[in-house]
Amino acid sequence: MNKAKKYVSFALVMLLVVAMLLTSACGKKPEPDTSKPTLPGDVSTTVGGDTSGDADDTTTGSDVSGDATTGSDVSGDTTTGSDVSGDATGSTTGNNKTSGNNKTSGNNKTSGNNKTSGNNKTSNTTKNILNTTTTTKKTEKTNTTTSTTTEHVQDATVKEEILKLFTPAMKGKTVTVLSGWTQGTDELAKMNEMTATTGLKTKWLVAEGENYGTRLSALINASASPDLAMVGESNFPSFVIKNYYQDLSVTSIDYNSKIFDTDLMESFKWGGKRYCVMVKNSENSNMSVTFYNKALFKKLGVTDPGTLWKQGKWNWDTFLDCAQKTVDLASGRLGVDIYRTQDFLATSGVGIISVEDSQIKNNIDDPRIVEAWTFVNKLHHEYKVTAAVVGADTTFANGNSAMMLGSSWQANAGGTICEQMKDDWGIVPYPTKAGVGNLTLIAPRGGAIPIGAKNPDAGIATWVYWVSYDTGMLGSGKPESNTGAYSRDEINDVKRTMWDYKKIPDVLEGVLTYGGEYDQWGFSYDIFQAGMSGIQTNIGKWKSALDVNIKRITTEFS
């Protein structure tokens, strides 16, 4: 009997060892595939796709009788929503994702992330460079971490202007939206709020990844065009050249209103016509920002980027000084980590690609970009304050870098930083070359009107309400993390200030990835790892690649 027990014990031990080995082998998570943008360009020339609808398609808002319905219409699109009173809400269907999550597909969203925090807060006015807004302050206890949050006071006059876009004739109608991702709970809640306020309902069609252009083309060819589509850095100007969009003259909307960013809209002109609606203080546009660890800077007694920015002293020189004073390679801590190296090149004052009316211009060998390219390499090879571009957000969140050059979507709830960062942190714009002044490097997301759209005015009104920070719901100040101590509305106020800066739109991606031969991460790697002797070689390599793609775009569909 004792011998049998020994055999059983031995067998159990061996099973435990095997289990531990399997856990060790499988426990490492793969690096997220961030090569696919939220709104990728359609790199194929074929037209296809199912026009009958997807399981992810949803409708928000039901009839005015107050009955919330859930079911399938004849096209196979699922219907959910609430009545115009706003009391009943329906649940989302399909593969619903929380906006702002860093998913392995790389489809990182920027809207639908902020929820309403409580009442009874103490008034506090934001000063210095953040003097355009008033906030209230509150301290919340989340698990074992104290989080300081602020409740942003939105611009009621802007909201009033937005509501004027909704005419009485729109009440009871349904706007069809072709989205690049399945709407999260907060986004659908905001659309239900819009229905309750305006009487205009929305029906969501979803086409993710490279299927977006194919689905849009198929809907247009089937005379089933949506009323609203999206345009961004990854599908402009190719979607315009392919004749997917109408110019904005088909609407009766006054685009000189303070709702719109007309300067940014000028960057999305083609043939002298505007095709893209850009909204100021949009939740859906991503800005290049510098994340910094407030607690670490305070501990080390180093003036932090937030203070320098407010003092008007945030530039390449002070940025480098911050990195050199916080780096500690002996302990494995970087002064700065970089998410996408190519974003930094525009801090010289010019974008790699610019669109000037009907011309796509390749600026990669501009002396200003060459200087920025050189500076980035010095950060790595000469100053030794940074080391890698893979996993930059994780490095920062784990306290292994004092700063991170990244994008504003990485500040969203559900992302790596919000979920893992335990120290207090903040954001400021990218530093610019001294003398260049304040710049906002932006990857804009805009609304567009597809060919054949039946309700263009209602489509644009829906886009504005959906993405604007000033229409409520998505712009509140409660952090969605149980770890990091940070102020959601401090972040939103920095972004609001950046909307007033001169903007350099990121229109590189749609040119760089056109045809599928090149990807942004290969480009980023070549910039960062070039070394001082390899800069001119890599610039020449990518100048040729971009020139080839520009020729393809401008001739293939002309």
Protein backbone atom coordinates (compact mmCIF):
# COMPACT_ATOMS: atom_id res chain seq x y z
CA MET A 1 0.00 0.00 0.00
CA ASN A 2 2.84 2.35 0.89
CA LYS A 3 4.54 1.52 -2.41
CA ALA A 4 1.33 2.36 -4.31
CA LYS A 5 1.09 5.70 -2.50
CA LYS A 6 4.68 6.47 -3.47
CA TYR A 7 3.90 5.78 -7.15
CA VAL A 8 0.81 8.02 -6.95
CA SER A 9 2.83 10.80 -5.30
CA PHE A 10 5.57 10.48 -7.91
CA ALA A 11 3.00 10.66 -10.72
CA LEU A 12 1.38 13.77 -9.22
CA VAL A 13 4.77 15.47 -8.93
CA MET A 14 5.60 14.72 -12.56
CA LEU A 15 2.21 16.07 -13.72
CA LEU A 16 2.83 19.25 -11.74
CA VAL A 17 6.26 19.70 -13.36
CA VAL A 18 4.79 19.19 -16.85
CA ALA A 19 2.04 21.71 -16.09
CA MET A 20 4.57 24.28 -14.91
CA LEU A 21 6.66 23.81 -18.06
CA LEU A 22 3.59 24.23 -20.28
CA THR A 23 2.56 27.36 -18.36
CA SER A 24 6.03 28.84 -18.76
CA ALA A 25 6.06 28.11 -22.48
CA CYS A 26 2.60 29.50 -23.14
CA GLY A 27 2.47 32.36 -20.68
CA LYS A 28 4.37 34.91 -22.77
CA LYS A 29 1.93 37.11 -24.64
CA PRO A 30 2.72 37.90 -28.27
CA GLU A 31 3.62 41.45 -29.22
CA PRO A 32 0.43 43.24 -30.40
CA ASP A 33 0.14 43.57 -34.16
CA THR A 34 -0.24 47.32 -34.48
CA SER A 35 0.36 47.41 -38.20
CA LYS A 36 -3.34 47.85 -39.05
CA PRO A 37 -4.77 51.33 -38.52
CA THR A 38 -8.31 52.08 -37.42
CA LEU A 39 -9.30 53.28 -40.87
CA PRO A 40 -7.00 51.49 -43.30
CA GLY A 41 -6.93 52.31 -46.98
CA ASP A 42 -8.29 49.82 -49.46
CA VAL A 43 -5.17 48.58 -51.21
CA SER A 44 -7.02 46.43 -53.75
CA THR A 45 -8.57 47.55 -57.00
CA THR A 46 -11.37 44.99 -56.86
CA VAL A 47 -14.95 45.67 -55.81
CA GLY A 48 -16.68 43.12 -53.62
CA GLY A 49 -18.14 42.50 -50.22
CA ASP A 50 -21.45 41.45 -48.82
CA THR A 51 -24.03 44.20 -49.08
CA SER A 52 -26.57 42.34 -47.01
CA GLY A 53 -25.09 43.45 -43.70
CA ASP A 54 -22.96 42.00 -40.93
CA ALA A 55 -23.76 40.62 -37.52
CA ASP A 56 -21.99 43.66 -36.14
CA ASP A 57 -24.40 46.11 -37.77
CA THR A 58 -26.59 47.89 -35.25
CA THR A 59 -29.21 50.60 -35.10
CA THR A 60 -29.45 52.99 -32.17
CA GLY A 61 -32.79 54.57 -31.41
CA SER A 62 -36.17 52.96 -31.91
CA ASP A 63 -39.58 54.36 -32.81
CA VAL A 64 -41.14 57.27 -30.97
CA SER A 65 -43.64 55.00 -29.22
CA GLY A 66 -41.06 54.30 -26.54
CA ASP A 67 -40.69 50.59 -27.26
CA ALA A 68 -37.08 49.41 -27.33
CA THR A 69 -36.76 46.76 -30.02
CA THR A 70 -34.18 44.10 -30.62
CA GLY A 71 -34.28 42.07 -33.76
CA SER A 72 -33.03 41.71 -37.32
CA ASP A 73 -34.19 43.72 -40.27
CA VAL A 74 -34.42 42.26 -43.75
CA SER A 75 -30.82 43.13 -44.52
CA GLY A 76 -29.52 41.08 -41.62
CA ASP A 77 -28.52 44.11 -39.56
CA THR A 78 -29.28 43.90 -35.86
CA THR A 79 -31.50 46.61 -34.41
CA THR A 80 -30.98 47.92 -30.90
CA GLY A 81 -31.60 51.20 -29.15
CA SER A 82 -33.93 53.40 -27.17
CA ASP A 83 -36.91 55.65 -27.76
CA VAL A 84 -36.63 59.42 -28.15
CA SER A 85 -37.29 59.91 -24.44
CA GLY A 86 -33.86 58.45 -23.75
CA ASP A 87 -35.16 56.15 -21.01
CA ALA A 88 -34.81 52.75 -22.62
CA THR A 89 -31.48 51.61 -23.91
CA GLY A 90 -30.65 48.54 -25.92
CA SER A 91 -27.56 46.42 -25.72
CA THR A 92 -25.00 46.12 -28.47
CA THR A 93 -24.70 43.03 -30.58
CA GLY A 94 -21.89 41.33 -32.42
CA ASN A 95 -18.27 41.46 -31.40
CA ASN A 96 -18.47 44.52 -29.21
CA LYS A 97 -15.19 46.06 -28.09
CA THR A 98 -14.49 48.80 -25.62
CA SER A 99 -13.24 51.88 -27.45
CA GLY A 100 -9.70 52.83 -26.68
CA ASN A 101 -8.47 49.31 -26.00
CA ASN A 102 -5.12 48.41 -27.48
CA LYS A 103 -6.18 45.32 -29.41
CA THR A 104 -3.88 42.99 -31.30
CA SER A 105 -5.34 44.18 -34.58
CA GLY A 106 -4.02 47.65 -33.88
CA ASN A 107 -7.48 49.15 -34.29
CA ASN A 108 -7.16 51.52 -31.41
CA LYS A 109 -10.11 53.84 -30.97
CA THR A 110 -10.19 57.19 -29.38
CA SER A 111 -13.83 57.74 -28.60
CA GLY A 112 -16.20 56.34 -26.05
CA ASN A 113 -13.67 56.08 -23.27
CA ASN A 114 -14.54 58.62 -20.60
CA LYS A 115 -17.49 58.30 -18.28
CA THR A 116 -19.20 60.63 -15.88
CA SER A 117 -17.69 61.10 -12.45
CA GLY A 118 -19.59 62.09 -9.34
CA ASN A 119 -20.92 65.41 -8.10
CA ASN A 120 -20.08 67.68 -5.14
CA LYS A 121 -16.63 68.71 -6.27
CA THR A 122 -14.53 71.71 -5.32
CA SER A 123 -14.10 74.36 -7.98
CA ASN A 124 -10.64 74.83 -9.47
CA THR A 125 -9.59 77.00 -12.39
CA THR A 126 -6.86 75.76 -14.73
CA LYS A 127 -4.17 78.42 -15.17
CA ASN A 128 -1.18 79.27 -17.36
CA ILE A 129 -1.30 77.56 -20.74
CA LEU A 130 -4.50 75.73 -19.82
CA ASN A 131 -6.46 78.92 -19.29
CA THR A 132 -9.28 78.17 -21.71
CA THR A 133 -11.32 75.89 -19.46
CA THR A 134 -12.66 75.67 -15.94
CA THR A 135 -12.52 72.42 -14.02
CA THR A 136 -13.67 71.02 -10.71
CA LYS A 137 -11.54 68.75 -8.60
CA LYS A 138 -12.20 65.58 -6.66
CA THR A 139 -10.21 62.78 -5.06
CA GLU A 140 -11.41 59.22 -5.53
CA LYS A 141 -10.24 56.02 -3.86
CA THR A 142 -9.94 53.12 -6.28
CA ASN A 143 -8.75 49.94 -4.57
CA THR A 144 -5.40 50.84 -2.98
CA THR A 145 -4.56 53.82 -5.19
CA THR A 146 -5.77 57.40 -4.78
CA SER A 147 -6.74 58.94 -8.12
CA THR A 148 -7.15 62.67 -8.61
CA THR A 149 -9.71 63.54 -11.27
CA THR A 150 -11.25 66.71 -12.60
CA GLU A 151 -14.68 67.30 -14.04
CA HIS A 152 -14.42 69.25 -17.27
CA VAL A 153 -16.89 72.02 -17.99
CA GLN A 154 -17.79 71.68 -21.65
CA ASP A 155 -18.55 74.58 -23.96
CA ALA A 156 -22.33 74.99 -23.93
CA THR A 157 -22.24 77.48 -26.80
CA VAL A 158 -20.54 74.91 -29.04
CA LYS A 159 -23.12 72.30 -28.10
CA GLU A 160 -25.86 74.78 -28.99
CA GLU A 161 -24.27 75.30 -32.42
CA ILE A 162 -24.09 71.54 -32.91
CA LEU A 163 -27.76 71.06 -32.09
CA LYS A 164 -28.65 73.65 -34.74
CA LEU A 165 -27.35 71.20 -37.36
CA PHE A 166 -30.37 68.97 -36.64
CA THR A 167 -33.38 70.29 -38.51
CA PRO A 168 -37.00 69.35 -37.70
CA ALA A 169 -37.13 67.41 -40.97
CA MET A 170 -34.51 64.97 -39.61
CA LYS A 171 -36.69 63.84 -36.71
CA GLY A 172 -37.72 60.22 -37.10
CA LYS A 173 -35.26 59.52 -39.90
CA THR A 174 -32.42 56.99 -39.65
CA VAL A 175 -28.85 57.77 -40.67
CA THR A 176 -26.74 54.84 -41.85
CA VAL A 177 -23.10 54.95 -40.74
CA LEU A 178 -20.30 52.76 -42.10
CA SER A 179 -17.89 52.48 -39.19
CA GLY A 180 -14.38 51.06 -39.06
CA TRP A 181 -15.03 49.26 -35.78
CA THR A 182 -17.86 47.82 -33.69
CA GLN A 183 -19.23 50.52 -31.43
CA GLY A 184 -18.54 50.26 -27.72
CA THR A 185 -21.20 50.63 -25.06
CA ASP A 186 -20.39 54.30 -24.44
CA GLU A 187 -20.48 55.19 -28.13
CA LEU A 188 -23.90 53.60 -28.59
CA ALA A 189 -25.07 55.32 -25.41
CA LYS A 190 -24.03 58.66 -26.87
CA MET A 191 -25.96 57.92 -30.07
CA ASN A 192 -29.01 56.99 -28.00
CA GLU A 193 -28.58 60.33 -26.25
CA MET A 194 -28.50 62.02 -29.66
CA THR A 195 -31.73 60.25 -30.61
CA ALA A 196 -33.37 61.34 -27.37
CA THR A 197 -32.29 64.94 -27.99
CA THR A 198 -32.84 65.31 -31.74
CA GLY A 199 -35.13 62.45 -32.84
CA LEU A 200 -32.56 61.31 -35.44
CA LYS A 201 -31.71 57.61 -35.24
CA THR A 202 -28.56 55.83 -36.39
CA LYS A 203 -27.91 52.46 -37.97
CA TRP A 204 -24.36 51.13 -37.78
CA LEU A 205 -22.71 49.06 -40.48
CA VAL A 206 -19.26 47.75 -39.54
CA ALA A 207 -16.33 46.93 -41.79
CA GLU A 208 -13.03 46.54 -40.00
CA GLY A 209 -9.49 46.58 -41.33
CA GLU A 210 -8.89 46.28 -45.03
CA ASN A 211 -12.56 45.39 -45.57
CA TYR A 212 -13.59 49.03 -45.11
CA GLY A 213 -12.91 50.23 -48.66
CA THR A 214 -14.25 47.01 -50.16
CA ARG A 215 -17.51 47.23 -48.20
CA LEU A 216 -17.97 50.91 -48.97
CA SER A 217 -17.41 50.31 -52.68
CA ALA A 218 -19.86 47.42 -52.70
CA LEU A 219 -22.57 49.47 -50.96
CA ILE A 220 -22.12 52.32 -53.42
CA ASN A 221 -22.32 49.97 -56.42
CA ALA A 222 -25.44 48.33 -54.99
CA SER A 223 -27.17 51.74 -54.62
CA ALA A 224 -27.17 51.19 -50.84
CA SER A 225 -24.73 53.93 -49.89
CA PRO A 226 -24.45 54.87 -46.22
CA ASP A 227 -25.09 58.48 -45.25
CA LEU A 228 -21.80 58.79 -43.39
CA ALA A 229 -18.37 57.24 -43.91
CA MET A 230 -14.96 57.99 -42.48
CA VAL A 231 -11.75 59.37 -43.87
CA GLY A 232 -8.35 59.50 -42.26
CA GLU A 233 -4.63 59.47 -42.89
CA SER A 234 -4.76 55.88 -44.13
CA ASN A 235 -7.30 56.32 -46.95
CA PHE A 236 -6.75 59.84 -48.23
CA PRO A 237 -6.55 60.79 -51.04
CA SER A 238 -7.04 57.30 -52.52
CA PHE A 239 -10.74 57.06 -51.56
CA VAL A 240 -11.41 60.45 -53.15
CA ILE A 241 -9.58 59.46 -56.34
CA LYS A 242 -11.57 56.21 -56.44
CA ASN A 243 -14.74 58.33 -56.38
CA TYR A 244 -16.08 56.97 -53.10
CA TYR A 245 -16.87 60.40 -51.63
CA GLN A 246 -18.83 63.49 -52.64
CA ASP A 247 -17.44 66.93 -51.95
CA LEU A 248 -19.06 68.89 -49.13
CA SER A 249 -20.90 71.28 -51.47
CA VAL A 250 -23.78 68.75 -51.54
CA THR A 251 -24.67 69.81 -47.98
CA SER A 252 -26.28 73.04 -46.79
CA ILE A 253 -24.05 73.28 -43.70
CA ASP A 254 -22.03 76.40 -42.88
CA TYR A 255 -18.50 75.08 -42.33
CA ASN A 256 -17.26 78.44 -41.11
CA SER A 257 -18.94 77.71 -37.77
CA LYS A 258 -16.65 77.40 -34.74
CA ILE A 259 -17.64 73.73 -34.61
CA PHE A 260 -15.30 72.92 -37.48
CA ASP A 261 -11.54 73.02 -37.94
CA THR A 262 -11.43 74.61 -41.38
CA ASP A 263 -7.62 74.77 -41.47
CA LEU A 264 -7.45 71.02 -41.07
CA MET A 265 -10.21 70.56 -43.64
CA GLU A 266 -8.05 72.48 -46.12
CA SER A 267 -5.45 69.73 -45.79
CA PHE A 268 -8.01 67.25 -47.11
CA LYS A 269 -8.90 69.10 -50.31
CA TRP A 270 -8.60 67.52 -53.70
CA GLY A 271 -9.20 69.29 -56.99
CA GLY A 272 -10.04 72.46 -55.09
CA LYS A 273 -12.91 70.80 -53.21
CA ARG A 274 -13.35 69.77 -49.58
CA TYR A 275 -14.17 66.14 -48.90
CA CYS A 276 -13.66 65.74 -45.18
CA VAL A 277 -15.37 67.27 -42.14
CA MET A 278 -13.02 67.89 -39.22
CA VAL A 279 -14.47 68.79 -35.84
CA LYS A 280 -12.59 70.83 -33.26
CA ASN A 281 -12.04 69.02 -29.96
CA SER A 282 -12.85 65.74 -31.65
CA GLU A 283 -12.61 62.54 -29.62
CA ASN A 284 -11.72 60.60 -32.77
CA SER A 285 -8.52 62.32 -33.88
CA ASN A 286 -5.19 61.19 -32.45
CA MET A 287 -2.47 63.64 -31.49
CA SER A 288 1.22 62.92 -30.98
CA VAL A 289 1.96 63.51 -27.29
CA THR A 290 4.75 63.05 -24.77
CA PHE A 291 3.79 60.95 -21.75
CA TYR A 292 5.82 61.62 -18.61
CA ASN A 293 6.05 60.04 -15.17
CA LYS A 294 5.19 62.85 -12.76
CA ALA A 295 6.15 60.86 -9.68
CA LEU A 296 9.60 60.00 -11.03
CA PHE A 297 10.41 63.58 -12.05
CA LYS A 298 9.34 64.76 -8.60
CA LYS A 299 11.41 62.07 -6.88
CA LEU A 300 14.51 63.00 -8.88
CA GLY A 301 13.98 66.75 -8.42
CA VAL A 302 13.90 67.36 -12.19
CA THR A 303 11.63 69.98 -13.73
CA ASP A 304 9.00 67.97 -15.57
CA PRO A 305 7.73 68.43 -19.16
CA GLY A 306 4.36 69.76 -17.96
CA THR A 307 6.02 72.66 -16.16
CA LEU A 308 8.35 73.37 -19.07
CA TRP A 309 5.44 73.34 -21.52
CA LYS A 310 3.40 75.78 -19.43
CA GLN A 311 6.44 78.06 -19.27
CA GLY A 312 6.82 77.98 -23.06
CA LYS A 313 10.17 76.16 -22.77
CA TRP A 314 9.29 72.76 -24.22
CA ASN A 315 11.62 72.09 -27.15
CA TRP A 316 14.25 69.60 -28.34
CA ASP A 317 16.87 71.01 -25.97
CA THR A 318 14.78 70.83 -22.78
CA PHE A 319 13.38 67.45 -23.85
CA LEU A 320 16.92 66.08 -24.20
CA ASP A 321 17.85 67.61 -20.83
CA CYS A 322 14.90 65.83 -19.21
CA ALA A 323 15.90 62.52 -20.80
CA GLN A 324 19.54 62.85 -19.72
CA LYS A 325 18.61 63.72 -16.13
CA THR A 326 16.21 60.78 -15.75
CA VAL A 327 18.00 57.98 -17.64
CA ASP A 328 19.62 55.28 -15.51
CA LEU A 329 20.88 52.51 -17.74
CA ALA A 330 22.42 50.70 -14.76
CA SER A 331 18.93 50.03 -13.43
CA GLY A 332 17.43 49.61 -16.89
CA ARG A 333 15.49 52.89 -16.90
CA LEU A 334 15.37 54.90 -20.12
CA GLY A 335 15.06 58.65 -20.29
CA VAL A 336 12.52 58.23 -23.10
CA ASP A 337 11.03 55.47 -25.20
CA ILE A 338 9.53 55.99 -28.65
CA TYR A 339 6.42 54.37 -30.08
CA ARG A 340 6.54 55.49 -33.74
CA THR A 341 9.76 57.23 -34.68
CA GLN A 342 8.42 58.80 -37.87
CA ASP A 343 5.97 60.94 -35.90
CA PHE A 344 8.86 62.87 -34.38
CA LEU A 345 10.19 64.00 -37.76
CA ALA A 346 7.37 66.55 -38.16
CA THR A 347 8.52 68.39 -35.00
CA SER A 348 10.98 70.12 -37.35
CA GLY A 349 8.00 72.02 -38.79
CA VAL A 350 7.17 69.99 -41.92
CA GLY A 351 5.40 66.69 -42.51
CA ILE A 352 7.01 63.86 -44.49
CA ILE A 353 4.03 63.86 -46.87
CA SER A 354 1.81 66.86 -47.53
CA VAL A 355 -1.22 67.17 -49.77
CA GLU A 356 -1.51 70.49 -51.54
CA ASP A 357 -4.77 70.54 -53.47
CA SER A 358 -4.32 67.80 -56.08
CA GLN A 359 -0.62 67.27 -55.47
CA ILE A 360 0.94 64.76 -53.07
CA LYS A 361 4.34 66.11 -52.06
CA ASN A 362 7.22 64.00 -50.75
CA ASN A 363 9.24 66.07 -48.25
CA ILE A 364 11.41 63.30 -46.82
CA ASP A 365 14.68 64.85 -47.97
CA ASP A 366 13.76 68.34 -46.74
CA PRO A 367 16.69 69.62 -44.62
CA ARG A 368 14.36 70.12 -41.65
CA ILE A 369 13.32 66.45 -41.70
CA VAL A 370 16.92 65.35 -42.12
CA GLU A 371 17.80 67.37 -39.01
CA ALA A 372 14.99 65.73 -37.01
CA TRP A 373 16.02 62.29 -38.31
CA THR A 374 19.57 63.00 -37.11
CA PHE A 375 18.35 64.12 -33.68
CA VAL A 376 16.35 60.90 -33.20
CA ASN A 377 19.42 58.83 -34.01
CA LYS A 378 21.51 60.82 -31.57
CA LEU A 379 18.98 60.02 -28.82
CA HIS A 380 19.78 56.37 -29.36
CA HIS A 381 23.36 56.15 -30.61
CA GLU A 382 25.05 59.21 -29.10
CA TYR A 383 23.12 60.39 -26.03
CA LYS A 384 22.02 56.83 -25.15
CA VAL A 385 18.79 57.92 -23.46
CA THR A 386 16.62 55.47 -25.38
CA ALA A 387 17.01 51.99 -26.76
CA ALA A 388 14.01 50.48 -28.56
CA VAL A 389 10.71 51.10 -30.31
CA VAL A 390 8.94 47.81 -29.51
CA GLY A 391 6.66 47.82 -26.47
CA ALA A 392 7.23 51.48 -25.62
CA ASP A 393 3.88 51.84 -23.81
CA THR A 394 4.61 48.79 -21.65
CA THR A 395 8.11 50.06 -20.85
CA PHE A 396 6.67 53.39 -19.72
CA ALA A 397 3.76 51.85 -17.80
CA ASN A 398 6.13 49.60 -15.89
CA GLY A 399 8.24 52.57 -14.78
CA ASN A 400 11.18 51.67 -17.00
CA SER A 401 11.20 54.97 -18.90
CA ALA A 402 10.68 58.50 -17.62
CA MET A 403 8.95 59.65 -20.83
CA MET A 404 7.34 58.09 -23.88
CA LEU A 405 6.75 59.65 -27.27
CA GLY A 406 3.40 58.23 -28.32
CA SER A 407 -0.15 59.04 -29.38
CA SER A 408 -3.15 60.37 -27.48
CA TRP A 409 -5.15 57.15 -27.98
CA GLN A 410 -2.69 55.50 -25.60
CA ALA A 411 -4.12 57.66 -22.80
CA ASN A 412 -7.52 56.03 -23.26
CA ALA A 413 -9.14 53.80 -20.72
CA GLY A 414 -8.42 50.12 -21.25
CA GLY A 415 -4.98 50.73 -22.74
CA THR A 416 -1.67 49.50 -21.36
CA ILE A 417 -0.78 52.75 -19.59
CA CYS A 418 -4.14 53.16 -17.86
CA GLU A 419 -4.26 49.53 -16.81
CA GLN A 420 -0.66 49.06 -15.64
CA MET A 421 0.75 52.49 -14.71
CA LYS A 422 0.88 52.91 -10.93
CA ASP A 423 2.65 56.29 -10.81
CA ASP A 424 1.00 59.62 -11.43
CA TRP A 425 1.50 60.65 -15.06
CA GLY A 426 0.56 63.31 -17.58
CA ILE A 427 0.92 64.37 -21.21
CA VAL A 428 2.23 67.35 -23.15
CA PRO A 429 2.70 67.87 -26.90
CA TYR A 430 5.79 66.59 -28.69
CA PRO A 431 8.76 68.92 -28.21
CA THR A 432 9.56 70.99 -31.29
CA LYS A 433 12.81 72.37 -32.58
CA ALA A 434 13.62 75.65 -30.84
CA GLY A 435 12.18 78.54 -32.83
CA VAL A 436 9.53 76.46 -34.60
CA GLY A 437 6.86 77.24 -32.00
CA ASN A 438 3.85 75.23 -30.92
CA LEU A 439 2.79 72.44 -33.27
CA THR A 440 0.19 69.71 -33.14
CA LEU A 441 1.05 66.55 -35.03
CA ILE A 442 -2.33 64.98 -35.69
CA ALA A 443 -3.71 61.83 -37.28
CA PRO A 444 -7.15 63.23 -38.10
CA ARG A 445 -10.35 61.24 -38.36
CA GLY A 446 -13.05 62.98 -40.36
CA GLY A 447 -16.54 62.40 -41.63
CA ALA A 448 -17.22 62.03 -45.34
CA ILE A 449 -20.30 61.71 -47.54
CA PRO A 450 -20.29 58.65 -49.80
CA ILE A 451 -21.46 58.82 -53.39
CA GLY A 452 -25.19 58.12 -53.41
CA ALA A 453 -25.84 59.12 -49.78
CA LYS A 454 -29.50 60.08 -49.32
CA ASN A 455 -29.15 62.15 -46.13
CA PRO A 456 -25.85 64.08 -46.37
CA ASP A 457 -26.78 66.85 -43.91
CA ALA A 458 -28.00 64.35 -41.34
CA GLY A 459 -24.86 62.28 -41.87
CA ILE A 460 -22.59 65.24 -41.11
CA ALA A 461 -24.72 66.27 -38.11
CA THR A 462 -24.40 62.74 -36.74
CA TRP A 463 -20.63 62.77 -37.19
CA VAL A 464 -20.29 66.08 -35.37
CA TYR A 465 -22.45 64.97 -32.44
CA TRP A 466 -20.70 61.62 -32.23
CA VAL A 467 -17.10 62.86 -32.08
CA SER A 468 -17.38 66.26 -30.39
CA TYR A 469 -16.06 66.59 -26.86
CA ASP A 470 -18.71 69.26 -26.23
CA THR A 471 -21.81 67.11 -26.73
CA GLY A 472 -21.40 65.25 -23.46
CA MET A 473 -21.14 61.59 -22.50
CA LEU A 474 -17.65 60.93 -23.85
CA GLY A 475 -16.02 63.98 -22.34
CA SER A 476 -16.38 63.43 -18.60
CA GLY A 477 -13.52 63.08 -16.20
CA LYS A 478 -13.64 59.72 -14.41
CA PRO A 479 -10.58 57.50 -14.87
CA GLU A 480 -11.35 53.97 -15.99
CA SER A 481 -8.32 52.43 -14.30
CA ASN A 482 -7.91 50.93 -10.87
CA THR A 483 -4.16 51.51 -10.94
CA GLY A 484 -2.77 54.76 -12.31
CA ALA A 485 -3.36 58.05 -10.50
CA TYR A 486 -4.02 60.55 -13.25
CA SER A 487 -6.41 63.25 -14.30
CA ARG A 488 -8.55 62.41 -17.32
CA ASP A 489 -9.58 66.03 -17.76
CA GLU A 490 -6.06 67.33 -17.43
CA ILE A 491 -5.38 65.14 -20.47
CA ASN A 492 -8.46 66.42 -22.29
CA ASP A 493 -7.54 70.03 -21.52
CA VAL A 494 -4.04 69.54 -22.93
CA LYS A 495 -5.60 68.11 -26.09
CA ARG A 496 -8.06 71.03 -26.26
CA THR A 497 -5.17 73.48 -26.10
CA MET A 498 -3.39 71.55 -28.86
CA TRP A 499 -6.39 72.05 -31.16
CA ASP A 500 -5.52 75.76 -31.25
CA TYR A 501 -1.95 75.15 -32.39
CA LYS A 502 -0.72 75.02 -35.95
CA LYS A 503 -1.38 71.46 -37.13
CA ILE A 504 0.66 69.14 -39.29
CA PRO A 505 -1.68 66.36 -40.42
CA ASP A 506 -0.28 62.86 -40.67
CA VAL A 507 -1.10 61.77 -44.21
CA LEU A 508 1.98 59.57 -44.54
CA GLU A 509 0.40 56.20 -43.85
CA GLY A 510 -1.99 56.11 -46.79
CA VAL A 511 0.93 56.76 -49.15
CA LEU A 512 3.52 54.60 -47.38
CA THR A 513 1.35 51.47 -47.20
CA TYR A 514 -0.35 51.83 -50.59
CA GLY A 515 0.11 48.68 -52.63
CA GLY A 516 0.99 46.60 -49.57
CA GLU A 517 4.76 46.48 -50.15
CA TYR A 518 5.79 48.66 -47.21
CA ASP A 519 4.60 49.06 -43.64
CA GLN A 520 5.00 51.84 -41.11
CA TRP A 521 6.96 49.71 -38.64
CA GLY A 522 9.69 48.88 -41.16
CA PHE A 523 9.96 52.59 -41.87
CA SER A 524 10.06 53.42 -38.15
CA TYR A 525 12.81 50.89 -37.56
CA ASP A 526 14.96 52.25 -40.39
CA ILE A 527 14.74 55.78 -38.98
CA PHE A 528 15.64 54.78 -35.45
CA GLN A 529 18.31 52.19 -36.09
CA ALA A 530 20.03 53.89 -39.02
CA GLY A 531 23.00 55.18 -37.07
CA MET A 532 24.69 58.41 -38.05
CA SER A 533 26.35 56.85 -41.12
CA GLY A 534 23.14 55.29 -42.44
CA ILE A 535 20.81 58.28 -42.44
CA GLN A 536 21.29 59.44 -46.02
CA THR A 537 21.08 55.88 -47.35
CA ASN A 538 17.77 55.23 -45.63
CA ILE A 539 16.36 58.59 -46.65
CA GLY A 540 17.20 57.78 -50.27
CA LYS A 541 15.62 54.33 -49.95
CA TRP A 542 12.34 55.65 -48.57
CA LYS A 543 12.23 58.67 -50.88
CA SER A 544 12.20 56.26 -53.84
CA ALA A 545 9.55 54.05 -52.23
CA LEU A 546 7.27 57.00 -51.48
CA ASP A 547 7.72 58.47 -54.97
CA VAL A 548 6.66 55.15 -56.51
CA ASN A 549 3.52 54.99 -54.36
CA ILE A 550 2.61 58.61 -55.05
CA LYS A 551 2.76 57.88 -58.78
CA ARG A 552 0.56 54.80 -58.28
CA ILE A 553 -2.07 56.71 -56.34
CA THR A 554 -2.26 59.67 -58.70
CA THR A 555 -2.32 57.67 -61.95
CA GLU A 556 -3.93 54.32 -61.19
CA PHE A 557 -7.41 55.72 -60.61
CA SER A 558 -7.28 59.01 -62.47
